[in-house]
Protein backbone atom coordinates (compact mmCIF):
# COMPACT_ATOMS: atom_id res chain seq x y z
CA MET A 1 93.54 102.01 106.53
CA ASN A 2 96.50 101.14 104.63
CA ASN A 3 99.32 104.04 105.50
CA GLU A 4 100.06 104.80 101.63
CA LEU A 5 96.54 105.30 100.71
CA LEU A 6 95.42 107.21 103.85
CA ASP A 7 98.32 109.69 103.16
CA MET A 8 97.81 110.25 99.58
CA SER A 9 93.80 111.04 100.33
CA ARG A 10 95.75 113.52 102.75
CA MET A 11 98.16 115.17 100.14
CA THR A 12 94.72 115.38 97.79
CA ILE A 13 93.24 116.95 100.21
CA LEU A 14 95.76 119.33 101.39
CA ALA A 15 96.18 120.54 97.57
CA LYS A 16 92.69 121.25 97.03
CA ALA A 17 92.30 123.28 99.70
CA TYR A 18 95.13 125.28 98.92
CA VAL A 19 94.36 125.86 95.57
CA LYS A 20 90.26 126.52 96.78
CA ASN A 21 91.15 129.10 99.78
CA GLY A 22 94.49 130.04 99.40
CA GLN A 23 95.25 128.89 103.31
CA TYR A 24 97.87 125.96 104.39
CA VAL A 25 96.81 123.62 106.55
CA PRO A 26 99.32 121.17 108.03
CA PRO A 27 98.49 117.68 107.33
CA LEU A 28 98.18 115.34 110.33
CA ALA A 29 101.19 112.80 110.68
CA ALA A 30 100.87 109.25 109.07
CA SER A 31 101.26 107.94 112.80
CA GLY A 32 104.92 109.40 112.74
CA ILE A 33 106.02 106.57 110.22
CA ILE A 34 107.85 109.15 108.05
CA SER A 35 110.75 110.72 108.25
CA HIS A 36 110.88 113.04 105.47
CA ARG A 37 109.74 114.40 101.86
CA LEU A 38 110.29 114.97 98.82
CA PHE A 39 108.32 116.09 95.62
CA ARG A 40 109.24 116.16 92.28
CA PHE A 41 107.60 118.02 89.59
CA ALA A 42 108.19 117.25 86.58
CA PRO A 43 110.12 119.96 84.24
CA GLU A 44 108.15 122.91 82.53
CA ASP A 45 109.36 123.85 78.90
CA GLY A 46 112.46 125.84 79.71
CA GLU A 47 113.80 123.78 82.54
CA SER A 48 116.60 122.34 82.09
CA SER A 49 115.77 120.19 85.65
CA ALA A 50 112.70 119.49 87.38
CA TYR A 51 112.26 121.54 90.65
CA ALA A 52 111.96 119.17 93.96
CA ALA A 53 109.98 120.58 96.87
CA ALA A 54 111.05 119.18 100.70
CA SER A 55 107.88 120.04 102.32
CA CYS A 56 104.21 119.27 101.80
CA GLU A 57 104.01 123.47 102.59
CA GLU A 58 106.47 123.99 99.30
CA TRP A 59 104.36 121.55 97.36
CA VAL A 60 101.11 122.85 97.57
CA LYS A 61 102.59 126.91 96.84
CA GLU A 62 104.68 125.60 93.77
CA LEU A 63 101.43 123.81 92.54
CA SER A 64 99.32 127.14 93.39
CA HIS A 65 102.15 129.22 91.55
CA ARG A 66 102.42 127.21 88.20
CA GLY A 67 98.49 127.16 87.71
CA ALA A 68 96.80 124.11 89.15
CA THR A 69 93.20 124.24 89.77
CA ASP A 70 92.08 121.13 90.93
CA PHE A 71 93.25 117.26 92.43
CA LYS A 72 91.50 114.02 91.83
CA LEU A 73 93.15 111.03 93.94
CA ILE A 74 92.97 107.99 91.74
CA VAL A 75 92.36 104.50 93.09
CA PRO A 76 92.07 101.19 91.25
CA ASP A 77 88.82 99.68 91.98
CA GLU A 78 89.91 96.62 90.58
CA LEU A 79 93.09 94.34 91.68
CA ASP A 80 93.95 90.91 89.63
CA SER A 81 95.49 89.89 93.42
CA PHE A 82 95.48 90.86 96.69
CA ASP A 83 98.78 89.53 97.39
CA LYS A 84 100.40 93.19 96.86
CA LEU A 85 98.40 95.22 99.67
CA ASP A 86 100.50 94.36 102.45
CA ARG A 87 103.72 95.71 100.82
CA ALA A 88 104.94 98.73 100.78
CA ASN A 89 104.22 100.50 97.34
CA GLY A 90 101.30 97.87 96.58
CA ILE A 91 98.29 100.19 96.39
CA PRO A 92 98.79 101.88 93.06
CA CYS A 93 97.28 105.40 93.74
CA CYS A 94 97.83 108.12 91.85
CA ILE A 95 96.76 112.07 91.89
CA ILE A 96 95.81 113.76 88.83
CA CYS A 97 96.46 117.18 88.64
CA PHE A 98 94.96 119.76 86.25
CA TYR A 99 96.34 122.85 84.87
CA GLY A 100 93.75 124.03 82.48
CA ASN A 101 94.47 122.54 79.18
CA ARG A 102 96.96 120.05 80.82
CA ALA A 103 97.39 117.55 83.29
CA THR A 104 99.38 115.85 85.58
CA VAL A 105 99.89 112.65 87.73
CA TRP A 106 101.73 112.10 91.15
CA ASN A 107 102.75 108.73 91.84
CA LYS A 108 104.27 107.80 95.47
CA LEU A 109 107.48 105.82 96.53
CA TRP A 110 107.60 104.72 99.99
CA VAL A 111 111.22 103.82 100.98
CA TYR A 112 112.28 102.39 104.32
CA GLU A 113 115.08 103.64 105.92
CA PRO A 114 116.22 100.56 108.72
CA GLU A 115 118.71 103.67 110.46
CA SER A 116 115.01 105.86 111.61
CA GLN A 117 112.99 102.87 111.15
CA LYS A 118 110.73 105.40 109.35
CA TRP A 119 109.96 106.19 105.64
CA PHE A 120 111.37 108.85 102.36
CA VAL A 121 108.19 109.13 101.29
CA GLN A 122 108.35 110.52 97.24
CA LEU A 123 105.81 112.05 95.11
CA ILE A 124 107.05 111.87 91.68
CA GLU A 125 104.73 114.35 88.83
CA SER A 126 105.15 112.82 85.26
CA THR A 127 103.33 114.82 82.18
CA ILE A 128 100.12 112.75 80.36
CA GLU A 129 98.33 113.51 77.47
CA LYS A 130 94.70 115.12 78.97
CA THR A 131 92.19 113.28 76.75
CA HIS A 132 89.16 113.47 78.33
CA ASP A 133 87.06 115.79 81.29
CA LYS A 134 87.75 115.58 84.89
CA PRO A 135 86.36 112.02 86.33
CA VAL A 136 83.22 112.80 88.48
CA PHE A 137 82.39 110.22 91.67
CA ASN A 138 78.86 109.19 93.00
CA ASP A 139 78.05 109.06 96.59
CA VAL A 140 77.85 104.96 97.21
CA THR A 141 76.38 105.03 100.46
CA GLU A 142 73.46 102.83 99.97
CA ASN A 143 75.58 100.24 97.50
CA MET A 144 78.03 99.94 100.87
CA VAL A 145 75.35 99.28 103.66
CA THR A 146 73.90 96.29 101.01
CA LEU A 147 77.76 95.39 100.61
CA LEU A 148 78.69 95.43 104.20
CA GLU A 149 75.80 93.58 105.37
CA ARG A 150 76.39 90.60 103.06
CA ILE A 151 80.22 90.43 103.93
CA ARG A 152 79.31 90.41 107.27
CA THR A 153 76.55 87.78 107.02
CA LEU A 154 79.49 85.57 105.56
CA SER A 155 82.38 86.60 108.45
CA ARG A 156 79.46 85.36 110.83
CA LYS A 157 79.28 81.87 108.57
CA LEU A 158 82.69 81.65 109.18
CA ARG A 159 82.81 82.22 112.29
CA LEU A 160 85.08 85.47 112.50
CA SER A 161 84.14 87.31 115.10
CA GLU A 162 87.12 90.08 114.48
CA PHE A 163 85.83 91.05 110.81
CA SER A 164 82.20 90.59 111.69
CA PHE A 165 83.45 93.55 114.33
CA ARG A 166 84.96 95.71 111.79
CA PHE A 167 81.96 95.18 109.37
CA SER A 168 79.34 96.50 111.84
CA ALA A 169 81.53 99.22 113.07
CA ALA A 170 81.72 100.57 109.34
CA LEU A 171 77.78 99.94 108.95
CA LYS A 172 77.30 102.00 112.40
CA VAL A 173 78.69 104.66 110.50
CA LEU A 174 76.73 104.70 107.61
CA GLN A 175 73.40 104.25 109.36
CA ASN A 176 74.47 106.68 112.40
CA ASP A 177 71.37 109.49 112.40
CA LEU A 178 73.73 112.31 113.44
CA THR A 179 74.58 115.32 111.69
CA GLU A 180 77.20 115.44 109.69
CA PRO A 181 80.18 117.60 111.14
CA SER A 182 79.23 121.70 111.41
CA VAL A 183 82.53 121.89 109.35
CA PRO A 184 82.69 119.22 107.12
CA SER A 185 86.15 117.49 106.09
CA PRO A 186 86.83 114.53 103.59
CA LEU A 187 88.27 112.26 106.34
CA THR A 188 85.28 112.77 108.84
CA SER A 189 82.90 111.74 106.24
CA ARG A 190 80.48 108.81 106.47
CA LEU A 191 81.76 107.02 103.54
CA PHE A 192 85.43 107.85 104.16
CA HIS A 193 85.19 106.56 108.03
CA ALA A 194 83.46 103.85 106.90
CA ALA A 195 86.16 102.89 104.30
CA SER A 196 88.25 102.87 107.05
CA GLU A 197 86.69 100.53 109.13
CA ALA A 198 86.12 98.27 106.58
CA TYR A 199 89.34 98.00 105.28
CA VAL A 200 90.83 94.99 106.33
CA PHE A 201 93.30 94.31 103.87
CA GLY A 202 97.35 93.29 104.06
CA GLY A 203 99.10 90.12 105.08
CA ARG A 204 98.87 87.36 107.49
CA GLY A 205 96.21 87.77 109.97
CA SER A 206 93.95 89.96 107.51
CA TRP A 207 90.80 89.32 105.47
CA THR A 208 92.44 87.97 102.18
CA ASP A 209 94.65 85.34 104.20
CA THR A 210 91.99 83.80 107.30
CA ALA A 211 89.13 84.48 105.86
CA LYS A 212 90.27 83.01 102.39
CA SER A 213 91.53 80.04 104.59
CA ALA A 214 88.03 79.18 106.15
CA ALA A 215 85.84 80.10 103.15
CA GLU A 216 87.90 77.30 101.33
CA GLY A 217 87.45 74.83 104.53
CA ALA A 218 83.68 75.66 104.81
CA GLY A 219 82.97 75.33 100.86
CA LEU A 220 82.34 79.05 100.25
CA SER A 221 85.39 80.13 97.67
CA ASP A 222 83.25 81.63 95.08
CA GLU A 223 81.05 83.56 97.92
CA TYR A 224 84.26 84.96 99.30
CA THR A 225 85.82 85.58 96.39
CA PHE A 226 83.27 87.78 94.84
CA LEU A 227 82.27 89.57 97.85
CA THR A 228 85.97 90.63 98.74
CA ARG A 229 86.44 91.71 95.05
CA GLU A 230 83.01 93.94 95.75
CA LEU A 231 84.50 95.14 99.16
CA TYR A 232 87.96 96.17 97.70
CA ARG A 233 85.88 98.00 94.92
CA GLY A 234 83.41 99.55 97.49
CA ILE A 235 86.22 101.24 99.52
CA ALA A 236 88.15 102.77 96.83
CA LEU A 237 84.52 103.81 95.38
CA SER A 238 84.10 105.47 98.98
CA ILE A 239 87.52 107.21 99.18
CA MET A 240 87.37 108.57 95.87
CA TYR A 241 83.91 109.91 96.52
CA ALA A 242 84.73 111.49 99.84
CA VAL A 243 88.14 113.05 98.89
CA ASN A 244 87.35 114.15 95.71
CA GLU A 245 83.69 115.85 95.68
CA TRP A 246 83.98 118.51 98.15
């Protein structure tokens, strides 16, 4: 899965868990690619400057201190183009933070540091007008099974065995009869696991590169375009259900 999307999922879960039970559980490192973080809060009434937290633990404790009650990861389920998905800050996902009668949004900014060959990650809070209730996300397991079967069939038509294997692996996760872990975690849920397996977007050699060219050559561009957009939408909805509804 895209590292930025995975990291935002982890940050959402971390914040939700802390405001639920008051216990801080350090997040798993994102493959060692992050050098350091900074969390920039929006100034509250009476503050002359914005507060900045330099660690995940400091961030969640400050959120709790300010009265945060819940968090929702928001991932756009439609994109005008997939061209930016292989670039830094290409997925415009965000975290909505709810404070009772108001809400704020946390947006990400990843900056590459050539010296360390790692990323400096910032989360930046902005105020928004809360005009509706918290979004609710539904279980999309059945839809994902159908979609994965269809796009696997297309990958086989295009003789792209690597992608057929990925879609089969995602299907196996969703069709597994084994029970969920005794202590379920959003990151180990079937939908999140399947979404991770099925995430085939990116740059050169990805589904949106190799399969697109193969589909054009086989006269299957319309089927490719439709199923690719549906796959991205299904992955986004799967992640949002797994991360938000627990």
